[in-house]
């Protein structure tokens, strides 16, 4: 079976598998128009049937691997052409995720993809992320891709992996909260949906509603599991974090651990 995924500088990744009935799966971040980190090792990964052989072709590179535990991964090198080779709206590209939370780390984001810079594609993007990317492009003269993962009003702990909290007494209370949320995630979601339905029923009936119910995913690790973990293998050069709802002392402690645990593996 052969699969073709168009990414980055119009180069094709060709993947061939040994068994015809298998369906090779790659995450949405590896899709048309993807930007790759300049002159850095590039990882391509996905899912396949156990024992299948996957071959990835990128320009003049060919890498093969055997699927183990249902997943595969290969590494290659990227050499990006000059920015002048791109049309103006292709020199900044955007990967916008939909909100996704999870009890455990997941393989992929919700359905999305890379988009060229335009008034339509940047409409729902963080202004900080967009202007940071645009200034990087103007300063460096190379194409720049940005991958915002955000949701207003969320705390650092929500975007932190469980491994960053384990074994550190400073984070015991947060770790306990994370484990409790993981063990009861389905119940939290069901309660939120029921409370939301009741909230809108009261509002439509003209009754007093009080504050809207808090989104069930606003618990430690949930946003990391659903939005950061699926993209962690895609090598990136810089990270920008904007946070308004946590003390600077807590931010330094927790964010330092979060960044260390989110580095590509």
C-alpha atoms as a PDB file:
ATOM      1  CA  UNK A   1       0.000   0.000   0.000  1.00  0.00           C
ATOM      2  CA  UNK A   2       1.290   3.467  -0.855  1.00  0.00           C
ATOM      3  CA  UNK A   3       0.339   6.709   0.830  1.00  0.00           C
ATOM      4  CA  UNK A   4       1.436  10.223  -0.156  1.00  0.00           C
ATOM      5  CA  UNK A   5       1.385  13.145   2.260  1.00  0.00           C
ATOM      6  CA  UNK A   6       2.424  16.564   0.942  1.00  0.00           C
ATOM      7  CA  UNK A   7       4.364  18.606   3.501  1.00  0.00           C
ATOM      8  CA  UNK A   8       6.617  21.611   3.896  1.00  0.00           C
ATOM      9  CA  UNK A   9       8.564  22.756   0.813  1.00  0.00           C
ATOM     10  CA  UNK A  10       6.353  20.877  -1.641  1.00  0.00           C
ATOM     11  CA  UNK A  11       8.261  17.688  -0.886  1.00  0.00           C
ATOM     12  CA  UNK A  12       6.370  14.412  -0.801  1.00  0.00           C
ATOM     13  CA  UNK A  13       6.538  11.847   1.938  1.00  0.00           C
ATOM     14  CA  UNK A  14       5.834   8.479   0.341  1.00  0.00           C
ATOM     15  CA  UNK A  15       4.977   5.665   2.710  1.00  0.00           C
ATOM     16  CA  UNK A  16       4.737   2.040   1.635  1.00  0.00           C
ATOM     17  CA  UNK A  17       3.580  -0.785   3.835  1.00  0.00           C
ATOM     18  CA  UNK A  18       3.956  -4.489   3.616  1.00  0.00           C
ATOM     19  CA  UNK A  19       0.324  -5.546   4.134  1.00  0.00           C
ATOM     20  CA  UNK A  20      -2.423  -4.446   1.773  1.00  0.00           C
ATOM     21  CA  UNK A  21      -5.230  -4.504   4.324  1.00  0.00           C
ATOM     22  CA  UNK A  22      -3.442  -2.081   6.644  1.00  0.00           C
ATOM     23  CA  UNK A  23      -4.367   1.573   6.844  1.00  0.00           C
ATOM     24  CA  UNK A  24      -1.419   3.802   7.615  1.00  0.00           C
ATOM     25  CA  UNK A  25      -2.280   6.765   9.860  1.00  0.00           C
ATOM     26  CA  UNK A  26      -0.267   9.947  10.370  1.00  0.00           C
ATOM     27  CA  UNK A  27      -1.254  12.821  12.704  1.00  0.00           C
ATOM     28  CA  UNK A  28      -2.857  15.977  11.318  1.00  0.00           C
ATOM     29  CA  UNK A  29       0.258  18.023  12.001  1.00  0.00           C
ATOM     30  CA  UNK A  30       1.985  16.018   9.226  1.00  0.00           C
ATOM     31  CA  UNK A  31      -0.201  17.380   6.437  1.00  0.00           C
ATOM     32  CA  UNK A  32      -0.207  19.616   3.359  1.00  0.00           C
ATOM     33  CA  UNK A  33       1.725  22.909   3.695  1.00  0.00           C
ATOM     34  CA  UNK A  34       3.530  21.875   6.895  1.00  0.00           C
ATOM     35  CA  UNK A  35       6.546  23.958   7.925  1.00  0.00           C
ATOM     36  CA  UNK A  36       9.653  22.125   9.169  1.00  0.00           C
ATOM     37  CA  UNK A  37      12.326  23.444  11.505  1.00  0.00           C
ATOM     38  CA  UNK A  38      15.246  24.754   9.430  1.00  0.00           C
ATOM     39  CA  UNK A  39      18.328  22.489   9.246  1.00  0.00           C
ATOM     40  CA  UNK A  40      17.194  20.266  12.124  1.00  0.00           C
ATOM     41  CA  UNK A  41      16.415  16.541  12.288  1.00  0.00           C
ATOM     42  CA  UNK A  42      12.852  15.868  11.175  1.00  0.00           C
ATOM     43  CA  UNK A  43      10.645  13.176  12.679  1.00  0.00           C
ATOM     44  CA  UNK A  44       7.813  11.498  10.757  1.00  0.00           C
ATOM     45  CA  UNK A  45       5.586   9.176  12.777  1.00  0.00           C
ATOM     46  CA  UNK A  46       2.277   7.385  12.734  1.00  0.00           C
ATOM     47  CA  UNK A  47       0.337   4.191  13.325  1.00  0.00           C
ATOM     48  CA  UNK A  48       0.167   0.912  11.405  1.00  0.00           C
ATOM     49  CA  UNK A  49      -0.415  -2.784  11.906  1.00  0.00           C
ATOM     50  CA  UNK A  50       2.110  -4.540  14.127  1.00  0.00           C
ATOM     51  CA  UNK A  51       5.136  -5.825  12.212  1.00  0.00           C
ATOM     52  CA  UNK A  52       4.450  -3.841   9.016  1.00  0.00           C
ATOM     53  CA  UNK A  53       7.385  -2.127   7.296  1.00  0.00           C
ATOM     54  CA  UNK A  54       7.018   1.596   6.636  1.00  0.00           C
ATOM     55  CA  UNK A  55       9.308   3.460   4.223  1.00  0.00           C
ATOM     56  CA  UNK A  56       9.370   7.257   4.201  1.00  0.00           C
ATOM     57  CA  UNK A  57      10.805   9.137   1.206  1.00  0.00           C
ATOM     58  CA  UNK A  58      11.594  12.825   1.598  1.00  0.00           C
ATOM     59  CA  UNK A  59      13.376  14.369  -1.395  1.00  0.00           C
ATOM     60  CA  UNK A  60      16.567  12.275  -1.725  1.00  0.00           C
ATOM     61  CA  UNK A  61      16.195  10.528   1.651  1.00  0.00           C
ATOM     62  CA  UNK A  62      14.700   7.089   2.257  1.00  0.00           C
ATOM     63  CA  UNK A  63      14.074   5.785   5.766  1.00  0.00           C
ATOM     64  CA  UNK A  64      12.476   2.473   6.709  1.00  0.00           C
ATOM     65  CA  UNK A  65      11.288   1.090  10.014  1.00  0.00           C
ATOM     66  CA  UNK A  66       9.219  -1.777  11.403  1.00  0.00           C
ATOM     67  CA  UNK A  67       6.032  -1.053  13.357  1.00  0.00           C
ATOM     68  CA  UNK A  68       6.255  -1.912  17.039  1.00  0.00           C
ATOM     69  CA  UNK A  69       3.421  -1.566  19.547  1.00  0.00           C
ATOM     70  CA  UNK A  70       1.269  -0.237  16.734  1.00  0.00           C
ATOM     71  CA  UNK A  71       3.406   2.856  16.104  1.00  0.00           C
ATOM     72  CA  UNK A  72       6.387   3.804  13.916  1.00  0.00           C
ATOM     73  CA  UNK A  73       8.794   6.723  13.645  1.00  0.00           C
ATOM     74  CA  UNK A  74      11.724   7.728  11.426  1.00  0.00           C
ATOM     75  CA  UNK A  75      14.165  10.638  11.445  1.00  0.00           C
ATOM     76  CA  UNK A  76      15.538  12.641   8.504  1.00  0.00           C
ATOM     77  CA  UNK A  77      17.185  15.979   7.729  1.00  0.00           C
ATOM     78  CA  UNK A  78      15.586  19.180   6.417  1.00  0.00           C
ATOM     79  CA  UNK A  79      17.206  21.829   4.262  1.00  0.00           C
ATOM     80  CA  UNK A  80      14.818  24.665   3.532  1.00  0.00           C
ATOM     81  CA  UNK A  81      15.087  26.830   0.372  1.00  0.00           C
ATOM     82  CA  UNK A  82      15.214  30.600   0.463  1.00  0.00           C
ATOM     83  CA  UNK A  83      12.034  32.475   1.299  1.00  0.00           C
ATOM     84  CA  UNK A  84      12.036  34.028  -2.180  1.00  0.00           C
ATOM     85  CA  UNK A  85      10.927  30.654  -3.577  1.00  0.00           C
ATOM     86  CA  UNK A  86       7.550  31.070  -1.838  1.00  0.00           C
ATOM     87  CA  UNK A  87       4.647  33.339  -2.778  1.00  0.00           C
ATOM     88  CA  UNK A  88       4.190  36.110  -0.150  1.00  0.00           C
ATOM     89  CA  UNK A  89       1.246  34.425   1.590  1.00  0.00           C
ATOM     90  CA  UNK A  90       3.167  31.142   1.906  1.00  0.00           C
ATOM     91  CA  UNK A  91       6.046  32.481   3.985  1.00  0.00           C
ATOM     92  CA  UNK A  92       4.059  32.360   7.240  1.00  0.00           C
ATOM     93  CA  UNK A  93       1.900  29.278   7.785  1.00  0.00           C
ATOM     94  CA  UNK A  94      -0.531  28.537  10.574  1.00  0.00           C
ATOM     95  CA  UNK A  95      -1.514  25.292  12.312  1.00  0.00           C
ATOM     96  CA  UNK A  96      -4.652  25.955  14.346  1.00  0.00           C
ATOM     97  CA  UNK A  97      -5.897  23.333  16.769  1.00  0.00           C
ATOM     98  CA  UNK A  98      -9.435  22.916  18.009  1.00  0.00           C
ATOM     99  CA  UNK A  99      -9.832  22.601  21.759  1.00  0.00           C
ATOM    100  CA  UNK A 100      -9.299  19.019  22.884  1.00  0.00           C
ATOM    101  CA  UNK A 101      -8.873  17.716  26.434  1.00  0.00           C
ATOM    102  CA  UNK A 102      -8.250  14.141  27.523  1.00  0.00           C
ATOM    103  CA  UNK A 103      -7.718  11.982  30.583  1.00  0.00           C
ATOM    104  CA  UNK A 104      -4.652  10.350  29.007  1.00  0.00           C
ATOM    105  CA  UNK A 105      -2.196  11.509  26.291  1.00  0.00           C
ATOM    106  CA  UNK A 106      -3.714  11.012  22.825  1.00  0.00           C
ATOM    107  CA  UNK A 107      -2.096  10.236  19.469  1.00  0.00           C
ATOM    108  CA  UNK A 108      -3.555  13.045  17.339  1.00  0.00           C
ATOM    109  CA  UNK A 109      -5.201  16.445  17.419  1.00  0.00           C
ATOM    110  CA  UNK A 110      -8.767  16.945  16.292  1.00  0.00           C
ATOM    111  CA  UNK A 111      -9.107  17.322  12.506  1.00  0.00           C
ATOM    112  CA  UNK A 112      -7.155  20.363  11.324  1.00  0.00           C
ATOM    113  CA  UNK A 113      -4.274  21.300   9.020  1.00  0.00           C
ATOM    114  CA  UNK A 114      -1.783  23.937   7.935  1.00  0.00           C
ATOM    115  CA  UNK A 115      -2.991  27.126   6.235  1.00  0.00           C
ATOM    116  CA  UNK A 116      -1.178  29.870   4.348  1.00  0.00           C
ATOM    117  CA  UNK A 117      -1.304  33.322   5.898  1.00  0.00           C
ATOM    118  CA  UNK A 118      -4.455  35.214   4.949  1.00  0.00           C
ATOM    119  CA  UNK A 119      -7.068  37.404   6.604  1.00  0.00           C
ATOM    120  CA  UNK A 120      -9.331  34.343   6.834  1.00  0.00           C
ATOM    121  CA  UNK A 121      -6.759  31.933   8.305  1.00  0.00           C
ATOM    122  CA  UNK A 122      -5.397  34.384  10.889  1.00  0.00           C
ATOM    123  CA  UNK A 123      -8.829  35.474  12.098  1.00  0.00           C
ATOM    124  CA  UNK A 124      -8.926  32.980  14.957  1.00  0.00           C
ATOM    125  CA  UNK A 125      -5.232  33.130  15.841  1.00  0.00           C
ATOM    126  CA  UNK A 126      -3.445  34.651  18.811  1.00  0.00           C
ATOM    127  CA  UNK A 127      -2.183  38.121  17.861  1.00  0.00           C
ATOM    128  CA  UNK A 128       0.956  37.507  19.955  1.00  0.00           C
ATOM    129  CA  UNK A 129       1.761  34.301  18.060  1.00  0.00           C
ATOM    130  CA  UNK A 130       1.029  35.777  14.638  1.00  0.00           C
ATOM    131  CA  UNK A 131       3.106  38.944  15.022  1.00  0.00           C
ATOM    132  CA  UNK A 132       5.930  36.972  16.625  1.00  0.00           C
ATOM    133  CA  UNK A 133       6.013  34.697  13.555  1.00  0.00           C
ATOM    134  CA  UNK A 134       5.815  37.608  11.126  1.00  0.00           C
ATOM    135  CA  UNK A 135       8.692  39.442  12.819  1.00  0.00           C
ATOM    136  CA  UNK A 136      10.773  36.248  12.829  1.00  0.00           C
ATOM    137  CA  UNK A 137      10.171  35.875   9.101  1.00  0.00           C
ATOM    138  CA  UNK A 138      11.157  39.485   8.395  1.00  0.00           C
ATOM    139  CA  UNK A 139      14.288  39.222  10.566  1.00  0.00           C
ATOM    140  CA  UNK A 140      15.517  35.814   9.376  1.00  0.00           C
ATOM    141  CA  UNK A 141      14.320  35.818   5.778  1.00  0.00           C
ATOM    142  CA  UNK A 142      13.041  32.225   5.963  1.00  0.00           C
ATOM    143  CA  UNK A 143       9.504  30.767   6.053  1.00  0.00           C
ATOM    144  CA  UNK A 144       8.010  30.454   9.535  1.00  0.00           C
ATOM    145  CA  UNK A 145       5.271  28.144  10.804  1.00  0.00           C
ATOM    146  CA  UNK A 146       3.332  28.683  14.029  1.00  0.00           C
ATOM    147  CA  UNK A 147       1.341  26.106  16.002  1.00  0.00           C
ATOM    148  CA  UNK A 148      -0.790  27.855  18.639  1.00  0.00           C
ATOM    149  CA  UNK A 149      -2.366  25.655  21.301  1.00  0.00           C
ATOM    150  CA  UNK A 150      -4.524  27.869  23.458  1.00  0.00           C
ATOM    151  CA  UNK A 151      -7.766  28.369  25.323  1.00  0.00           C
ATOM    152  CA  UNK A 152      -8.612  31.562  27.160  1.00  0.00           C
ATOM    153  CA  UNK A 153      -8.523  31.593  30.945  1.00  0.00           C
ATOM    154  CA  UNK A 154      -6.545  28.385  31.404  1.00  0.00           C
ATOM    155  CA  UNK A 155      -3.738  27.866  33.914  1.00  0.00           C
ATOM    156  CA  UNK A 156      -0.251  26.466  33.427  1.00  0.00           C
ATOM    157  CA  UNK A 157      -1.126  23.256  35.270  1.00  0.00           C
ATOM    158  CA  UNK A 158      -3.729  22.356  32.647  1.00  0.00           C
ATOM    159  CA  UNK A 159      -0.986  22.303  29.980  1.00  0.00           C
ATOM    160  CA  UNK A 160       1.540  20.386  32.084  1.00  0.00           C
ATOM    161  CA  UNK A 161       2.256  16.638  31.594  1.00  0.00           C
ATOM    162  CA  UNK A 162       1.742  14.310  34.512  1.00  0.00           C
ATOM    163  CA  UNK A 163       5.414  13.325  34.385  1.00  0.00           C
ATOM    164  CA  UNK A 164       6.374  16.923  35.205  1.00  0.00           C
ATOM    165  CA  UNK A 165       4.401  16.742  38.439  1.00  0.00           C
ATOM    166  CA  UNK A 166       5.496  13.318  39.632  1.00  0.00           C
ATOM    167  CA  UNK A 167       8.284  12.985  42.172  1.00  0.00           C
ATOM    168  CA  UNK A 168       8.253  16.662  43.168  1.00  0.00           C
ATOM    169  CA  UNK A 169       6.805  17.512  46.603  1.00  0.00           C
ATOM    170  CA  UNK A 170       6.054  21.082  45.474  1.00  0.00           C
ATOM    171  CA  UNK A 171       3.431  19.771  43.085  1.00  0.00           C
ATOM    172  CA  UNK A 172       1.810  17.129  45.309  1.00  0.00           C
ATOM    173  CA  UNK A 173      -1.543  18.922  45.563  1.00  0.00           C
ATOM    174  CA  UNK A 174      -1.630  19.468  41.783  1.00  0.00           C
ATOM    175  CA  UNK A 175      -0.593  15.847  41.162  1.00  0.00           C
ATOM    176  CA  UNK A 176      -3.360  14.573  43.432  1.00  0.00           C
ATOM    177  CA  UNK A 177      -5.868  16.756  41.577  1.00  0.00           C
ATOM    178  CA  UNK A 178      -4.584  15.497  38.224  1.00  0.00           C
ATOM    179  CA  UNK A 179      -4.884  11.829  39.215  1.00  0.00           C
ATOM    180  CA  UNK A 180      -8.380  12.344  40.640  1.00  0.00           C
ATOM    181  CA  UNK A 181      -9.473  14.102  37.428  1.00  0.00           C
ATOM    182  CA  UNK A 182      -7.958  11.357  35.260  1.00  0.00           C
ATOM    183  CA  UNK A 183      -9.790   8.654  37.190  1.00  0.00           C
ATOM    184  CA  UNK A 184     -13.120  10.492  36.980  1.00  0.00           C
ATOM    185  CA  UNK A 185     -12.811  12.211  33.605  1.00  0.00           C
ATOM    186  CA  UNK A 186     -15.906  10.642  32.051  1.00  0.00           C
ATOM    187  CA  UNK A 187     -17.987  11.632  35.060  1.00  0.00           C
ATOM    188  CA  UNK A 188     -16.643  15.204  34.944  1.00  0.00           C
ATOM    189  CA  UNK A 189     -17.613  15.455  31.283  1.00  0.00           C
ATOM    190  CA  UNK A 190     -21.084  14.025  31.884  1.00  0.00           C
ATOM    191  CA  UNK A 191     -21.721  16.415  34.782  1.00  0.00           C
ATOM    192  CA  UNK A 192     -20.567  19.390  32.713  1.00  0.00           C
ATOM    193  CA  UNK A 193     -22.869  18.482  29.819  1.00  0.00           C
ATOM    194  CA  UNK A 194     -25.827  18.027  32.193  1.00  0.00           C
ATOM    195  CA  UNK A 195     -25.101  21.316  34.002  1.00  0.00           C
ATOM    196  CA  UNK A 196     -24.708  23.151  30.684  1.00  0.00           C
ATOM    197  CA  UNK A 197     -28.010  21.789  29.412  1.00  0.00           C
ATOM    198  CA  UNK A 198     -29.758  22.898  32.613  1.00  0.00           C
ATOM    199  CA  UNK A 199     -28.081  26.316  32.460  1.00  0.00           C
ATOM    200  CA  UNK A 200     -29.413  26.961  28.957  1.00  0.00           C
ATOM    201  CA  UNK A 201     -32.853  25.598  29.878  1.00  0.00           C
ATOM    202  CA  UNK A 202     -33.114  28.117  32.707  1.00  0.00           C
ATOM    203  CA  UNK A 203     -31.821  30.937  30.531  1.00  0.00           C
ATOM    204  CA  UNK A 204     -34.305  30.202  27.776  1.00  0.00           C
ATOM    205  CA  UNK A 205     -37.102  30.043  30.355  1.00  0.00           C
ATOM    206  CA  UNK A 206     -36.135  33.405  31.825  1.00  0.00           C
ATOM    207  CA  UNK A 207     -35.054  31.897  35.153  1.00  0.00           C
ATOM    208  CA  UNK A 208     -32.013  32.893  37.170  1.00  0.00           C
ATOM    209  CA  UNK A 209     -29.011  30.891  36.010  1.00  0.00           C
ATOM    210  CA  UNK A 210     -25.996  31.999  37.992  1.00  0.00           C
ATOM    211  CA  UNK A 211     -22.540  31.538  36.468  1.00  0.00           C
ATOM    212  CA  UNK A 212     -22.125  29.101  33.541  1.00  0.00           C
ATOM    213  CA  UNK A 213     -20.682  25.704  34.528  1.00  0.00           C
ATOM    214  CA  UNK A 214     -16.889  25.415  34.431  1.00  0.00           C
ATOM    215  CA  UNK A 215     -15.554  23.444  31.471  1.00  0.00           C
ATOM    216  CA  UNK A 216     -14.731  19.912  32.624  1.00  0.00           C
ATOM    217  CA  UNK A 217     -11.292  19.959  30.984  1.00  0.00           C
ATOM    218  CA  UNK A 218      -9.951  22.712  33.224  1.00  0.00           C
ATOM    219  CA  UNK A 219      -8.006  20.300  35.368  1.00  0.00           C
ATOM    220  CA  UNK A 220      -4.253  19.575  35.548  1.00  0.00           C
ATOM    221  CA  UNK A 221      -2.759  17.796  32.512  1.00  0.00           C
ATOM    222  CA  UNK A 222      -5.980  17.651  30.434  1.00  0.00           C
ATOM    223  CA  UNK A 223      -4.957  20.239  27.818  1.00  0.00           C
ATOM    224  CA  UNK A 224      -1.454  18.787  27.585  1.00  0.00           C
ATOM    225  CA  UNK A 225      -2.913  15.337  26.919  1.00  0.00           C
ATOM    226  CA  UNK A 226      -5.230  16.587  24.180  1.00  0.00           C
ATOM    227  CA  UNK A 227      -3.257  19.367  22.443  1.00  0.00           C
ATOM    228  CA  UNK A 228       0.455  19.341  23.328  1.00  0.00           C
ATOM    229  CA  UNK A 229       1.233  15.623  23.458  1.00  0.00           C
ATOM    230  CA  UNK A 230      -0.023  14.949  19.881  1.00  0.00           C
ATOM    231  CA  UNK A 231       2.403  17.553  18.449  1.00  0.00           C
ATOM    232  CA  UNK A 232       5.402  17.110  20.763  1.00  0.00           C
ATOM    233  CA  UNK A 233       7.426  15.140  18.185  1.00  0.00           C
ATOM    234  CA  UNK A 234       7.222  17.950  15.637  1.00  0.00           C
ATOM    235  CA  UNK A 235      10.464  19.827  16.251  1.00  0.00           C
ATOM    236  CA  UNK A 236      10.014  23.543  16.865  1.00  0.00           C
ATOM    237  CA  UNK A 237      12.534  26.326  17.378  1.00  0.00           C
ATOM    238  CA  UNK A 238      10.855  28.709  19.821  1.00  0.00           C
ATOM    239  CA  UNK A 239       7.979  28.644  22.309  1.00  0.00           C
ATOM    240  CA  UNK A 240       5.931  31.589  23.575  1.00  0.00           C
ATOM    241  CA  UNK A 241       3.763  31.215  26.679  1.00  0.00           C
ATOM    242  CA  UNK A 242       1.172  33.800  27.725  1.00  0.00           C
ATOM    243  CA  UNK A 243      -0.399  33.345  31.168  1.00  0.00           C
ATOM    244  CA  UNK A 244      -2.363  35.763  33.314  1.00  0.00           C
ATOM    245  CA  UNK A 245      -4.017  33.614  35.956  1.00  0.00           C
ATOM    246  CA  UNK A 246      -1.181  32.228  38.056  1.00  0.00           C
ATOM    247  CA  UNK A 247       1.443  33.731  40.350  1.00  0.00           C
ATOM    248  CA  UNK A 248       4.907  34.322  38.915  1.00  0.00           C
ATOM    249  CA  UNK A 249       6.453  32.027  41.553  1.00  0.00           C
ATOM    250  CA  UNK A 250       4.157  29.124  40.621  1.00  0.00           C
ATOM    251  CA  UNK A 251       4.647  29.853  36.932  1.00  0.00           C
ATOM    252  CA  UNK A 252       8.431  29.615  37.164  1.00  0.00           C
ATOM    253  CA  UNK A 253       8.270  26.310  39.029  1.00  0.00           C
ATOM    254  CA  UNK A 254       5.614  24.585  36.974  1.00  0.00           C
ATOM    255  CA  UNK A 255       6.415  26.076  33.574  1.00  0.00           C
ATOM    256  CA  UNK A 256      10.082  25.104  33.793  1.00  0.00           C
ATOM    257  CA  UNK A 257       9.073  21.494  34.364  1.00  0.00           C
ATOM    258  CA  UNK A 258       6.435  21.684  31.604  1.00  0.00           C
ATOM    259  CA  UNK A 259       8.932  22.942  29.004  1.00  0.00           C
ATOM    260  CA  UNK A 260      11.487  20.272  29.931  1.00  0.00           C
ATOM    261  CA  UNK A 261       8.894  17.498  29.583  1.00  0.00           C
ATOM    262  CA  UNK A 262       7.540  18.823  26.263  1.00  0.00           C
ATOM    263  CA  UNK A 263      10.874  18.662  24.406  1.00  0.00           C
ATOM    264  CA  UNK A 264      10.817  16.328  21.374  1.00  0.00           C
ATOM    265  CA  UNK A 265      11.614  12.738  22.292  1.00  0.00           C
END
